[in-house]
Structure formats: C-alpha cells, structure tokens
Amino acid sequence: MKIEDDENFEEEFEFTNEGEISLGKVIVKELNRRNISASSLAKECGVPVTTLHNWIQGIKPSTSSMKYVKSLANYFNMSLDELFFGITKKDKSEVIYRGTYSDKGTVYRVTIEKLGPEN
C-alpha cells in the first residue's frame, strides 16, 4: 500500500518553515522510499498503528509517545531533527543491511552502513 505523498515536499528532505513539524511527511516519504506499509512499520518499530496513522495525518506526538518517535528515528537511521523537521544531515550514511540475530536468548539488531570513501 502506497500512501500519497505531499507534492510540495521535496525529494530530499528540506527544512520548510521554521518550527513546522513535518513528521507525517517524513514518515510517508520513508514508507514510499522503502516500499513498506504503515502497518509493517508500526509492527517493526513497536509503535501502535493508530499512533503512527495519527502522526501521518498531522497529529503531533504526545510526550508519552516520544519513545515511539525514537524507535522510528532509529529504524530510519535519522536524527530527531530529520524525523521531525525534515532537516538532512550533510554527511548522510547509507544503510545497506539491517537485520536481527539471536545468541543465547538475546536478540541483537545489526545495521551495516556505507559511510563513504576512506579519508
């Protein structure tokens, strides 16, 4: 399921208006870019589906839901500035693998990032 994207939202995230929260737009952009559904994202990040849909519709997160916002930021490999306001990092890494494995009853999340050429 693809969620319609706001045509005014740039291909690369851009800071639009000072203080304007773009959380819903960023979520939609990432869902489309990764070709995943909101339900799948919610399940993967442990965010209640209703909460995620509220954010997509423009309802701002409550203080009690900030742990879910952080979970999304981690999943998308974004800072909170990027997630809330669409501000991009100048030196953005590229996630090339994300997965989990378990060892002796403990589950680990593994992320491999392409950082760029060696300096």
PDB file of N, CA and C in Angstrom:
ATOM      1  N   MET A   1       0.837  -1.180   0.000  1.00  0.00           N
ATOM      2  CA  MET A   1       0.000   0.000   0.000  1.00  0.00           C
ATOM      3  C   MET A   1       0.882   1.243   0.000  1.00  0.00           C
ATOM      4  N   LYS A   2       0.715   2.110  -0.952  1.00  0.00           N
ATOM      5  CA  LYS A   2       1.445   3.367  -1.016  1.00  0.00           C
ATOM      6  C   LYS A   2       0.584   4.485  -0.456  1.00  0.00           C
ATOM      7  N   ILE A   3       1.184   5.342   0.314  1.00  0.00           N
ATOM      8  CA  ILE A   3       0.484   6.493   0.866  1.00  0.00           C
ATOM      9  C   ILE A   3       0.842   7.684  -0.003  1.00  0.00           C
ATOM     10  N   GLU A   4      -0.153   8.479  -0.358  1.00  0.00           N
ATOM     11  CA  GLU A   4       0.099   9.621  -1.240  1.00  0.00           C
ATOM     12  C   GLU A   4       1.061  10.606  -0.590  1.00  0.00           C
ATOM     13  N   ASP A   5       1.969  11.075  -1.359  1.00  0.00           N
ATOM     14  CA  ASP A   5       2.991  11.993  -0.916  1.00  0.00           C
ATOM     15  C   ASP A   5       2.555  13.431  -1.187  1.00  0.00           C
ATOM     16  N   ASP A   6       2.890  14.348  -0.299  1.00  0.00           N
ATOM     17  CA  ASP A   6       2.594  15.760  -0.496  1.00  0.00           C
ATOM     18  C   ASP A   6       3.497  16.279  -1.608  1.00  0.00           C
ATOM     19  N   GLU A   7       2.919  16.764  -2.697  1.00  0.00           N
ATOM     20  CA  GLU A   7       3.715  17.183  -3.845  1.00  0.00           C
ATOM     21  C   GLU A   7       4.639  18.354  -3.548  1.00  0.00           C
ATOM     22  N   ASN A   8       4.387  19.104  -2.481  1.00  0.00           N
ATOM     23  CA  ASN A   8       5.249  20.223  -2.122  1.00  0.00           C
ATOM     24  C   ASN A   8       6.465  19.786  -1.310  1.00  0.00           C
ATOM     25  N   PHE A   9       6.502  18.537  -0.909  1.00  0.00           N
ATOM     26  CA  PHE A   9       7.608  18.043  -0.095  1.00  0.00           C
ATOM     27  C   PHE A   9       8.719  17.579  -1.017  1.00  0.00           C
ATOM     28  N   GLU A  10       9.877  18.161  -0.897  1.00  0.00           N
ATOM     29  CA  GLU A  10      10.991  17.903  -1.802  1.00  0.00           C
ATOM     30  C   GLU A  10      11.433  16.451  -1.767  1.00  0.00           C
ATOM     31  N   GLU A  11      12.040  16.001  -2.852  1.00  0.00           N
ATOM     32  CA  GLU A  11      12.568  14.636  -2.940  1.00  0.00           C
ATOM     33  C   GLU A  11      13.553  14.374  -1.807  1.00  0.00           C
ATOM     34  N   GLU A  12      14.494  15.257  -1.613  1.00  0.00           N
ATOM     35  CA  GLU A  12      15.376  15.174  -0.454  1.00  0.00           C
ATOM     36  C   GLU A  12      14.758  16.062   0.608  1.00  0.00           C
ATOM     37  N   PHE A  13      14.785  15.618   1.839  1.00  0.00           N
ATOM     38  CA  PHE A  13      14.148  16.382   2.901  1.00  0.00           C
ATOM     39  C   PHE A  13      14.735  17.779   2.974  1.00  0.00           C
ATOM     40  N   GLU A  14      13.884  18.744   3.132  1.00  0.00           N
ATOM     41  CA  GLU A  14      14.308  20.126   3.251  1.00  0.00           C
ATOM     42  C   GLU A  14      13.553  20.766   4.400  1.00  0.00           C
ATOM     43  N   PHE A  15      14.217  21.644   5.093  1.00  0.00           N
ATOM     44  CA  PHE A  15      13.570  22.418   6.136  1.00  0.00           C
ATOM     45  C   PHE A  15      12.667  23.430   5.453  1.00  0.00           C
ATOM     46  N   THR A  16      11.364  23.346   5.722  1.00  0.00           N
ATOM     47  CA  THR A  16      10.423  24.209   5.017  1.00  0.00           C
ATOM     48  C   THR A  16      10.159  25.504   5.767  1.00  0.00           C
ATOM     49  N   ASN A  17       9.510  25.442   6.887  1.00  0.00           N
ATOM     50  CA  ASN A  17       9.206  26.643   7.670  1.00  0.00           C
ATOM     51  C   ASN A  17       9.733  26.454   9.077  1.00  0.00           C
ATOM     52  N   GLU A  18      10.375  27.479   9.599  1.00  0.00           N
ATOM     53  CA  GLU A  18      10.947  27.417  10.939  1.00  0.00           C
ATOM     54  C   GLU A  18       9.914  26.911  11.936  1.00  0.00           C
ATOM     55  N   GLY A  19      10.250  25.820  12.606  1.00  0.00           N
ATOM     56  CA  GLY A  19       9.382  25.284  13.649  1.00  0.00           C
ATOM     57  C   GLY A  19       8.251  24.402  13.169  1.00  0.00           C
ATOM     58  N   GLU A  20       8.036  24.281  11.856  1.00  0.00           N
ATOM     59  CA  GLU A  20       6.946  23.448  11.346  1.00  0.00           C
ATOM     60  C   GLU A  20       7.331  21.976  11.459  1.00  0.00           C
ATOM     61  N   ILE A  21       6.508  21.196  12.133  1.00  0.00           N
ATOM     62  CA  ILE A  21       6.782  19.776  12.281  1.00  0.00           C
ATOM     63  C   ILE A  21       6.307  19.049  11.034  1.00  0.00           C
ATOM     64  N   SER A  22       7.238  18.338  10.397  1.00  0.00           N
ATOM     65  CA  SER A  22       6.967  17.609   9.158  1.00  0.00           C
ATOM     66  C   SER A  22       6.986  16.100   9.375  1.00  0.00           C
ATOM     67  N   LEU A  23       6.763  15.654  10.594  1.00  0.00           N
ATOM     68  CA  LEU A  23       6.866  14.243  10.941  1.00  0.00           C
ATOM     69  C   LEU A  23       6.056  13.355  10.007  1.00  0.00           C
ATOM     70  N   GLY A  24       4.804  13.685   9.781  1.00  0.00           N
ATOM     71  CA  GLY A  24       3.950  12.877   8.915  1.00  0.00           C
ATOM     72  C   GLY A  24       4.483  12.794   7.502  1.00  0.00           C
ATOM     73  N   LYS A  25       4.972  13.912   6.967  1.00  0.00           N
ATOM     74  CA  LYS A  25       5.517  13.928   5.608  1.00  0.00           C
ATOM     75  C   LYS A  25       6.774  13.079   5.511  1.00  0.00           C
ATOM     76  N   VAL A  26       7.612  13.145   6.529  1.00  0.00           N
ATOM     77  CA  VAL A  26       8.847  12.357   6.523  1.00  0.00           C
ATOM     78  C   VAL A  26       8.504  10.870   6.596  1.00  0.00           C
ATOM     79  N   ILE A  27       7.549  10.503   7.432  1.00  0.00           N
ATOM     80  CA  ILE A  27       7.136   9.105   7.543  1.00  0.00           C
ATOM     81  C   ILE A  27       6.615   8.606   6.200  1.00  0.00           C
ATOM     82  N   VAL A  28       5.741   9.372   5.568  1.00  0.00           N
ATOM     83  CA  VAL A  28       5.185   8.977   4.272  1.00  0.00           C
ATOM     84  C   VAL A  28       6.298   8.812   3.239  1.00  0.00           C
ATOM     85  N   LYS A  29       7.226   9.757   3.213  1.00  0.00           N
ATOM     86  CA  LYS A  29       8.338   9.690   2.265  1.00  0.00           C
ATOM     87  C   LYS A  29       9.153   8.419   2.475  1.00  0.00           C
ATOM     88  N   GLU A  30       9.427   8.078   3.723  1.00  0.00           N
ATOM     89  CA  GLU A  30      10.212   6.876   4.021  1.00  0.00           C
ATOM     90  C   GLU A  30       9.429   5.598   3.723  1.00  0.00           C
ATOM     91  N   LEU A  31       8.129   5.601   3.972  1.00  0.00           N
ATOM     92  CA  LEU A  31       7.310   4.434   3.639  1.00  0.00           C
ATOM     93  C   LEU A  31       7.356   4.172   2.139  1.00  0.00           C
ATOM     94  N   ASN A  32       7.202   5.226   1.363  1.00  0.00           N
ATOM     95  CA  ASN A  32       7.235   5.091  -0.095  1.00  0.00           C
ATOM     96  C   ASN A  32       8.629   4.695  -0.588  1.00  0.00           C
ATOM     97  N   ARG A  33       9.651   5.321  -0.037  1.00  0.00           N
ATOM     98  CA  ARG A  33      11.021   5.032  -0.454  1.00  0.00           C
ATOM     99  C   ARG A  33      11.399   3.584  -0.166  1.00  0.00           C
ATOM    100  N   ARG A  34      10.929   3.065   0.958  1.00  0.00           N
ATOM    101  CA  ARG A  34      11.266   1.702   1.365  1.00  0.00           C
ATOM    102  C   ARG A  34      10.232   0.677   0.902  1.00  0.00           C
ATOM    103  N   ASN A  35       9.140   1.193   0.298  1.00  0.00           N
ATOM    104  CA  ASN A  35       8.064   0.336  -0.195  1.00  0.00           C
ATOM    105  C   ASN A  35       7.510  -0.594   0.890  1.00  0.00           C
ATOM    106  N   ILE A  36       7.199   0.014   2.046  1.00  0.00           N
ATOM    107  CA  ILE A  36       6.589  -0.737   3.139  1.00  0.00           C
ATOM    108  C   ILE A  36       5.305  -0.056   3.561  1.00  0.00           C
ATOM    109  N   SER A  37       4.441  -0.796   4.204  1.00  0.00           N
ATOM    110  CA  SER A  37       3.169  -0.242   4.670  1.00  0.00           C
ATOM    111  C   SER A  37       3.338   0.361   6.061  1.00  0.00           C
ATOM    112  N   ALA A  38       2.415   1.218   6.417  1.00  0.00           N
ATOM    113  CA  ALA A  38       2.417   1.806   7.760  1.00  0.00           C
ATOM    114  C   ALA A  38       2.254   0.712   8.808  1.00  0.00           C
ATOM    115  N   SER A  39       1.432  -0.287   8.527  1.00  0.00           N
ATOM    116  CA  SER A  39       1.235  -1.397   9.470  1.00  0.00           C
ATOM    117  C   SER A  39       2.522  -2.172   9.699  1.00  0.00           C
ATOM    118  N   SER A  40       3.260  -2.431   8.611  1.00  0.00           N
ATOM    119  CA  SER A  40       4.539  -3.141   8.733  1.00  0.00           C
ATOM    120  C   SER A  40       5.536  -2.319   9.546  1.00  0.00           C
ATOM    121  N   LEU A  41       5.587  -1.029   9.270  1.00  0.00           N
ATOM    122  CA  LEU A  41       6.490  -0.154  10.002  1.00  0.00           C
ATOM    123  C   LEU A  41       6.135  -0.137  11.482  1.00  0.00           C
ATOM    124  N   ALA A  42       4.851  -0.005  11.774  1.00  0.00           N
ATOM    125  CA  ALA A  42       4.393   0.026  13.160  1.00  0.00           C
ATOM    126  C   ALA A  42       4.806  -1.250  13.890  1.00  0.00           C
ATOM    127  N   LYS A  43       4.602  -2.377  13.236  1.00  0.00           N
ATOM    128  CA  LYS A  43       4.954  -3.660  13.846  1.00  0.00           C
ATOM    129  C   LYS A  43       6.459  -3.757  14.071  1.00  0.00           C
ATOM    130  N   GLU A  44       7.240  -3.387  13.072  1.00  0.00           N
ATOM    131  CA  GLU A  44       8.703  -3.468  13.150  1.00  0.00           C
ATOM    132  C   GLU A  44       9.259  -2.590  14.274  1.00  0.00           C
ATOM    133  N   CYS A  45       8.642  -1.415  14.473  1.00  0.00           N
ATOM    134  CA  CYS A  45       9.154  -0.455  15.454  1.00  0.00           C
ATOM    135  C   CYS A  45       8.454  -0.517  16.803  1.00  0.00           C
ATOM    136  N   GLY A  46       7.404  -1.325  16.899  1.00  0.00           N
ATOM    137  CA  GLY A  46       6.673  -1.417  18.159  1.00  0.00           C
ATOM    138  C   GLY A  46       5.802  -0.204  18.438  1.00  0.00           C
ATOM    139  N   VAL A  47       5.406   0.498  17.382  1.00  0.00           N
ATOM    140  CA  VAL A  47       4.557   1.689  17.511  1.00  0.00           C
ATOM    141  C   VAL A  47       3.110   1.263  17.269  1.00  0.00           C
ATOM    142  N   PRO A  48       2.178   1.662  18.129  1.00  0.00           N
ATOM    143  CA  PRO A  48       0.776   1.344  17.847  1.00  0.00           C
ATOM    144  C   PRO A  48       0.363   1.908  16.480  1.00  0.00           C
ATOM    145  N   VAL A  49      -0.336   1.105  15.688  1.00  0.00           N
ATOM    146  CA  VAL A  49      -0.735   1.500  14.332  1.00  0.00           C
ATOM    147  C   VAL A  49      -1.529   2.800  14.368  1.00  0.00           C
ATOM    148  N   THR A  50      -2.427   2.930  15.320  1.00  0.00           N
ATOM    149  CA  THR A  50      -3.247   4.148  15.428  1.00  0.00           C
ATOM    150  C   THR A  50      -2.365   5.371  15.654  1.00  0.00           C
ATOM    151  N   THR A  51      -1.365   5.225  16.489  1.00  0.00           N
ATOM    152  CA  THR A  51      -0.440   6.330  16.770  1.00  0.00           C
ATOM    153  C   THR A  51       0.289   6.740  15.490  1.00  0.00           C
ATOM    154  N   LEU A  52       0.792   5.757  14.757  1.00  0.00           N
ATOM    155  CA  LEU A  52       1.501   6.049  13.511  1.00  0.00           C
ATOM    156  C   LEU A  52       0.590   6.743  12.502  1.00  0.00           C
ATOM    157  N   HIS A  53      -0.630   6.255  12.348  1.00  0.00           N
ATOM    158  CA  HIS A  53      -1.577   6.884  11.419  1.00  0.00           C
ATOM    159  C   HIS A  53      -1.923   8.310  11.861  1.00  0.00           C
ATOM    160  N   ASN A  54      -2.012   8.534  13.161  1.00  0.00           N
ATOM    161  CA  ASN A  54      -2.268   9.894  13.657  1.00  0.00           C
ATOM    162  C   ASN A  54      -1.135  10.835  13.249  1.00  0.00           C
ATOM    163  N   TRP A  55       0.097  10.377  13.386  1.00  0.00           N
ATOM    164  CA  TRP A  55       1.236  11.218  13.008  1.00  0.00           C
ATOM    165  C   TRP A  55       1.213  11.506  11.512  1.00  0.00           C
ATOM    166  N   ILE A  56       0.875  10.499  10.716  1.00  0.00           N
ATOM    167  CA  ILE A  56       0.800  10.681   9.267  1.00  0.00           C
ATOM    168  C   ILE A  56      -0.268  11.719   8.925  1.00  0.00           C
ATOM    169  N   GLN A  57      -1.342  11.749   9.686  1.00  0.00           N
ATOM    170  CA  GLN A  57      -2.431  12.702   9.461  1.00  0.00           C
ATOM    171  C   GLN A  57      -2.125  14.097  10.018  1.00  0.00           C
ATOM    172  N   GLY A  58      -0.966  14.257  10.656  1.00  0.00           N
ATOM    173  CA  GLY A  58      -0.566  15.580  11.134  1.00  0.00           C
ATOM    174  C   GLY A  58      -0.751  15.823  12.612  1.00  0.00           C
ATOM    175  N   ILE A  59      -1.208  14.826  13.350  1.00  0.00           N
ATOM    176  CA  ILE A  59      -1.349  14.978  14.802  1.00  0.00           C
ATOM    177  C   ILE A  59       0.035  14.849  15.419  1.00  0.00           C
ATOM    178  N   LYS A  60       0.403  15.828  16.216  1.00  0.00           N
ATOM    179  CA  LYS A  60       1.737  15.844  16.810  1.00  0.00           C
ATOM    180  C   LYS A  60       1.844  14.795  17.921  1.00  0.00           C
ATOM    181  N   PRO A  61       3.028  14.217  18.099  1.00  0.00           N
ATOM    182  CA  PRO A  61       3.210  13.212  19.153  1.00  0.00           C
ATOM    183  C   PRO A  61       3.078  13.819  20.540  1.00  0.00           C
ATOM    184  N   SER A  62       2.565  13.029  21.441  1.00  0.00           N
ATOM    185  CA  SER A  62       2.477  13.456  22.840  1.00  0.00           C
ATOM    186  C   SER A  62       3.795  13.120  23.534  1.00  0.00           C
ATOM    187  N   THR A  63       3.988  13.673  24.698  1.00  0.00           N
ATOM    188  CA  THR A  63       5.190  13.391  25.468  1.00  0.00           C
ATOM    189  C   THR A  63       5.319  11.895  25.737  1.00  0.00           C
ATOM    190  N   SER A  64       4.212  11.243  26.015  1.00  0.00           N
ATOM    191  CA  SER A  64       4.248   9.817  26.343  1.00  0.00           C
ATOM    192  C   SER A  64       4.573   8.940  25.137  1.00  0.00           C
ATOM    193  N   SER A  65       4.463   9.481  23.924  1.00  0.00           N
ATOM    194  CA  SER A  65       4.754   8.677  22.736  1.00  0.00           C
ATOM    195  C   SER A  65       6.158   8.921  22.176  1.00  0.00           C
ATOM    196  N   MET A  66       6.964   9.692  22.894  1.00  0.00           N
ATOM    197  CA  MET A  66       8.309  10.003  22.398  1.00  0.00           C
ATOM    198  C   MET A  66       9.187   8.759  22.265  1.00  0.00           C
ATOM    199  N   LYS A  67       8.941   7.732  23.077  1.00  0.00           N
ATOM    200  CA  LYS A  67       9.731   6.500  22.928  1.00  0.00           C
ATOM    201  C   LYS A  67       9.474   5.873  21.561  1.00  0.00           C
ATOM    202  N   TYR A  68       8.263   6.050  21.028  1.00  0.00           N
ATOM    203  CA  TYR A  68       7.942   5.528  19.697  1.00  0.00           C
ATOM    204  C   TYR A  68       8.612   6.368  18.606  1.00  0.00           C
ATOM    205  N   VAL A  69       8.670   7.662  18.824  1.00  0.00           N
ATOM    206  CA  VAL A  69       9.351   8.547  17.872  1.00  0.00           C
ATOM    207  C   VAL A  69      10.820   8.151  17.786  1.00  0.00           C
ATOM    208  N   LYS A  70      11.429   7.897  18.917  1.00  0.00           N
ATOM    209  CA  LYS A  70      12.839   7.492  18.946  1.00  0.00           C
ATOM    210  C   LYS A  70      13.021   6.156  18.228  1.00  0.00           C
ATOM    211  N   SER A  71      12.080   5.247  18.404  1.00  0.00           N
ATOM    212  CA  SER A  71      12.142   3.958  17.716  1.00  0.00           C
ATOM    213  C   SER A  71      12.107   4.152  16.196  1.00  0.00           C
ATOM    214  N   LEU A  72      11.239   5.059  15.718  1.00  0.00           N
ATOM    215  CA  LEU A  72      11.185   5.362  14.284  1.00  0.00           C
ATOM    216  C   LEU A  72      12.495   5.978  13.794  1.00  0.00           C
ATOM    217  N   ALA A  73      13.019   6.912  14.559  1.00  0.00           N
ATOM    218  CA  ALA A  73      14.287   7.553  14.178  1.00  0.00           C
ATOM    219  C   ALA A  73      15.391   6.507  14.047  1.00  0.00           C
ATOM    220  N   ASN A  74      15.438   5.586  14.978  1.00  0.00           N
ATOM    221  CA  ASN A  74      16.441   4.519  14.906  1.00  0.00           C
ATOM    222  C   ASN A  74      16.209   3.639  13.684  1.00  0.00           C
ATOM    223  N   TYR A  75      14.969   3.277  13.432  1.00  0.00           N
ATOM    224  CA  TYR A  75      14.650   2.419  12.292  1.00  0.00           C
ATOM    225  C   TYR A  75      15.045   3.089  10.972  1.00  0.00           C
ATOM    226  N   PHE A  76      14.738   4.379  10.848  1.00  0.00           N
ATOM    227  CA  PHE A  76      15.038   5.121   9.627  1.00  0.00           C
ATOM    228  C   PHE A  76      16.493   5.600   9.573  1.00  0.00           C
ATOM    229  N   ASN A  77      17.236   5.382  10.673  1.00  0.00           N
ATOM    230  CA  ASN A  77      18.605   5.864  10.761  1.00  0.00           C
ATOM    231  C   ASN A  77      18.658   7.384  10.579  1.00  0.00           C
ATOM    232  N   MET A  78      17.803   8.071  11.328  1.00  0.00           N
ATOM    233  CA  MET A  78      17.692   9.528  11.244  1.00  0.00           C
ATOM    234  C   MET A  78      17.860  10.143  12.623  1.00  0.00           C
ATOM    235  N   SER A  79      18.266  11.388  12.618  1.00  0.00           N
ATOM    236  CA  SER A  79      18.252  12.161  13.856  1.00  0.00           C
ATOM    237  C   SER A  79      16.806  12.602  14.099  1.00  0.00           C
ATOM    238  N   LEU A  80      16.533  13.074  15.290  1.00  0.00           N
ATOM    239  CA  LEU A  80      15.190  13.589  15.571  1.00  0.00           C
ATOM    240  C   LEU A  80      14.908  14.840  14.746  1.00  0.00           C
ATOM    241  N   ASP A  81      15.928  15.653  14.468  1.00  0.00           N
ATOM    242  CA  ASP A  81      15.748  16.819  13.597  1.00  0.00           C
ATOM    243  C   ASP A  81      15.269  16.397  12.220  1.00  0.00           C
ATOM    244  N   GLU A  82      15.888  15.348  11.677  1.00  0.00           N
ATOM    245  CA  GLU A  82      15.479  14.856  10.360  1.00  0.00           C
ATOM    246  C   GLU A  82      14.052  14.344  10.395  1.00  0.00           C
ATOM    247  N   LEU A  83      13.734  13.575  11.423  1.00  0.00           N
ATOM    248  CA  LEU A  83      12.409  12.967  11.507  1.00  0.00           C
ATOM    249  C   LEU A  83      11.322  14.005  11.751  1.00  0.00           C
ATOM    250  N   PHE A  84      11.548  14.932  12.665  1.00  0.00           N
ATOM    251  CA  PHE A  84      10.526  15.928  12.985  1.00  0.00           C
ATOM    252  C   PHE A  84      10.408  17.042  11.952  1.00  0.00           C
ATOM    253  N   PHE A  85      11.542  17.523  11.467  1.00  0.00           N
ATOM    254  CA  PHE A  85      11.541  18.730  10.651  1.00  0.00           C
ATOM    255  C   PHE A  85      11.998  18.526   9.214  1.00  0.00           C
ATOM    256  N   GLY A  86      12.441  17.322   8.864  1.00  0.00           N
ATOM    257  CA  GLY A  86      12.905  17.064   7.514  1.00  0.00           C
ATOM    258  C   GLY A  86      14.265  17.649   7.227  1.00  0.00           C
ATOM    259  N   ILE A  87      15.006  18.012   8.259  1.00  0.00           N
ATOM    260  CA  ILE A  87      16.348  18.567   8.075  1.00  0.00           C
ATOM    261  C   ILE A  87      17.293  17.415   7.779  1.00  0.00           C
ATOM    262  N   THR A  88      18.088  17.544   6.725  1.00  0.00           N
ATOM    263  CA  THR A  88      19.010  16.469   6.356  1.00  0.00           C
ATOM    264  C   THR A  88      20.370  16.658   6.995  1.00  0.00           C
ATOM    265  N   LYS A  89      21.044  15.542   7.184  1.00  0.00           N
ATOM    266  CA  LYS A  89      22.437  15.562   7.614  1.00  0.00           C
ATOM    267  C   LYS A  89      23.274  15.882   6.380  1.00  0.00           C
ATOM    268  N   LYS A  90      24.364  16.560   6.570  1.00  0.00           N
ATOM    269  CA  LYS A  90      25.240  16.850   5.439  1.00  0.00           C
ATOM    270  C   LYS A  90      25.981  15.596   4.977  1.00  0.00           C
ATOM    271  N   ASP A  91      26.434  14.788   5.901  1.00  0.00           N
ATOM    272  CA  ASP A  91      27.168  13.568   5.567  1.00  0.00           C
ATOM    273  C   ASP A  91      26.310  12.360   5.922  1.00  0.00           C
ATOM    274  N   LYS A  92      25.319  12.092   5.129  1.00  0.00           N
ATOM    275  CA  LYS A  92      24.377  11.019   5.402  1.00  0.00           C
ATOM    276  C   LYS A  92      24.956   9.679   4.965  1.00  0.00           C
ATOM    277  N   SER A  93      24.905   8.714   5.879  1.00  0.00           N
ATOM    278  CA  SER A  93      25.348   7.375   5.541  1.00  0.00           C
ATOM    279  C   SER A  93      24.190   6.611   4.898  1.00  0.00           C
ATOM    280  N   GLU A  94      24.517   5.512   4.270  1.00  0.00           N
ATOM    281  CA  GLU A  94      23.506   4.696   3.604  1.00  0.00           C
ATOM    282  C   GLU A  94      23.451   3.339   4.290  1.00  0.00           C
ATOM    283  N   VAL A  95      22.269   2.969   4.778  1.00  0.00           N
ATOM    284  CA  VAL A  95      22.108   1.655   5.389  1.00  0.00           C
ATOM    285  C   VAL A  95      22.014   0.630   4.268  1.00  0.00           C
ATOM    286  N   ILE A  96      22.938  -0.338   4.279  1.00  0.00           N
ATOM    287  CA  ILE A  96      22.918  -1.356   3.236  1.00  0.00           C
ATOM    288  C   ILE A  96      22.421  -2.701   3.749  1.00  0.00           C
ATOM    289  N   TYR A  97      22.345  -2.862   5.067  1.00  0.00           N
ATOM    290  CA  TYR A  97      21.771  -4.075   5.644  1.00  0.00           C
ATOM    291  C   TYR A  97      21.253  -3.767   7.030  1.00  0.00           C
ATOM    292  N   ARG A  98      20.076  -4.268   7.334  1.00  0.00           N
ATOM    293  CA  ARG A  98      19.518  -4.170   8.677  1.00  0.00           C
ATOM    294  C   ARG A  98      18.846  -5.501   8.962  1.00  0.00           C
ATOM    295  N   GLY A  99      19.204  -6.112  10.044  1.00  0.00           N
ATOM    296  CA  GLY A  99      18.613  -7.393  10.394  1.00  0.00           C
ATOM    297  C   GLY A  99      18.778  -7.682  11.868  1.00  0.00           C
ATOM    298  N   THR A 100      18.315  -8.828  12.284  1.00  0.00           N
ATOM    299  CA  THR A 100      18.449  -9.236  13.675  1.00  0.00           C
ATOM    300  C   THR A 100      19.038 -10.634  13.741  1.00  0.00           C
ATOM    301  N   TYR A 101      19.656 -10.921  14.839  1.00  0.00           N
ATOM    302  CA  TYR A 101      20.082 -12.288  15.126  1.00  0.00           C
ATOM    303  C   TYR A 101      19.999 -12.488  16.624  1.00  0.00           C
ATOM    304  N   SER A 102      19.934 -13.731  17.028  1.00  0.00           N
ATOM    305  CA  SER A 102      19.862 -14.020  18.458  1.00  0.00           C
ATOM    306  C   SER A 102      21.014 -14.934  18.853  1.00  0.00           C
ATOM    307  N   ASP A 103      21.448 -14.760  20.083  1.00  0.00           N
ATOM    308  CA  ASP A 103      22.539 -15.553  20.626  1.00  0.00           C
ATOM    309  C   ASP A 103      22.263 -15.772  22.106  1.00  0.00           C
ATOM    310  N   LYS A 104      22.118 -17.017  22.487  1.00  0.00           N
ATOM    311  CA  LYS A 104      21.898 -17.380  23.887  1.00  0.00           C
ATOM    312  C   LYS A 104      20.720 -16.632  24.496  1.00  0.00           C
ATOM    313  N   GLY A 105      19.632 -16.525  23.735  1.00  0.00           N
ATOM    314  CA  GLY A 105      18.401 -15.915  24.243  1.00  0.00           C
ATOM    315  C   GLY A 105      18.329 -14.404  24.164  1.00  0.00           C
ATOM    316  N   THR A 106      19.355 -13.768  23.629  1.00  0.00           N
ATOM    317  CA  THR A 106      19.349 -12.315  23.473  1.00  0.00           C
ATOM    318  C   THR A 106      19.264 -11.989  21.997  1.00  0.00           C
ATOM    319  N   VAL A 107      18.368 -11.048  21.638  1.00  0.00           N
ATOM    320  CA  VAL A 107      18.201 -10.644  20.247  1.00  0.00           C
ATOM    321  C   VAL A 107      18.984  -9.357  20.023  1.00  0.00           C
ATOM    322  N   TYR A 108      19.714  -9.304  18.906  1.00  0.00           N
ATOM    323  CA  TYR A 108      20.512  -8.146  18.537  1.00  0.00           C
ATOM    324  C   TYR A 108      20.036  -7.603  17.197  1.00  0.00           C
ATOM    325  N   ARG A 109      20.052  -6.297  17.043  1.00  0.00           N
ATOM    326  CA  ARG A 109      19.784  -5.670  15.753  1.00  0.00           C
ATOM    327  C   ARG A 109      21.126  -5.290  15.147  1.00  0.00           C
ATOM    328  N   VAL A 110      21.335  -5.667  13.904  1.00  0.00           N
ATOM    329  CA  VAL A 110      22.580  -5.392  13.200  1.00  0.00           C
ATOM    330  C   VAL A 110      22.288  -4.427  12.061  1.00  0.00           C
ATOM    331  N   THR A 111      23.052  -3.361  11.995  1.00  0.00           N
ATOM    332  CA  THR A 111      22.931  -2.399  10.908  1.00  0.00           C
ATOM    333  C   THR A 111      24.318  -2.193  10.310  1.00  0.00           C
ATOM    334  N   ILE A 112      24.408  -2.343   8.998  1.00  0.00           N
ATOM    335  CA  ILE A 112      25.656  -2.065   8.297  1.00  0.00           C
ATOM    336  C   ILE A 112      25.418  -0.822   7.451  1.00  0.00           C
ATOM    337  N   GLU A 113      26.264   0.193   7.639  1.00  0.00           N
ATOM    338  CA  GLU A 113      26.118   1.444   6.930  1.00  0.00           C
ATOM    339  C   GLU A 113      27.292   1.687   6.002  1.00  0.00           C
ATOM    340  N   LYS A 114      26.988   2.169   4.824  1.00  0.00           N
ATOM    341  CA  LYS A 114      28.032   2.629   3.914  1.00  0.00           C
ATOM    342  C   LYS A 114      28.273   4.091   4.225  1.00  0.00           C
ATOM    343  N   LEU A 115      29.475   4.409   4.708  1.00  0.00           N
ATOM    344  CA  LEU A 115      29.777   5.760   5.133  1.00  0.00           C
ATOM    345  C   LEU A 115      30.426   6.606   4.051  1.00  0.00           C
ATOM    346  N   GLY A 116      31.035   5.971   3.084  1.00  0.00           N
ATOM    347  CA  GLY A 116      31.691   6.712   2.016  1.00  0.00           C
ATOM    348  C   GLY A 116      33.156   6.321   1.927  1.00  0.00           C
ATOM    349  N   PRO A 117      33.899   7.016   1.094  1.00  0.00           N
ATOM    350  CA  PRO A 117      35.311   6.675   0.906  1.00  0.00           C
ATOM    351  C   PRO A 117      36.143   6.957   2.161  1.00  0.00           C
ATOM    352  N   GLU A 118      37.234   6.191   2.294  1.00  0.00           N
ATOM    353  CA  GLU A 118      38.155   6.419   3.402  1.00  0.00           C
ATOM    354  C   GLU A 118      38.858   7.752   3.206  1.00  0.00           C
ATOM    355  N   ASN A 119      39.119   8.419   4.300  1.00  0.00           N
ATOM    356  CA  ASN A 119      39.834   9.710   4.212  1.00  0.00           C
ATOM    357  C   ASN A 119      41.262   9.551   4.606  1.00  0.00           C
TER     358      ASN A 119
END
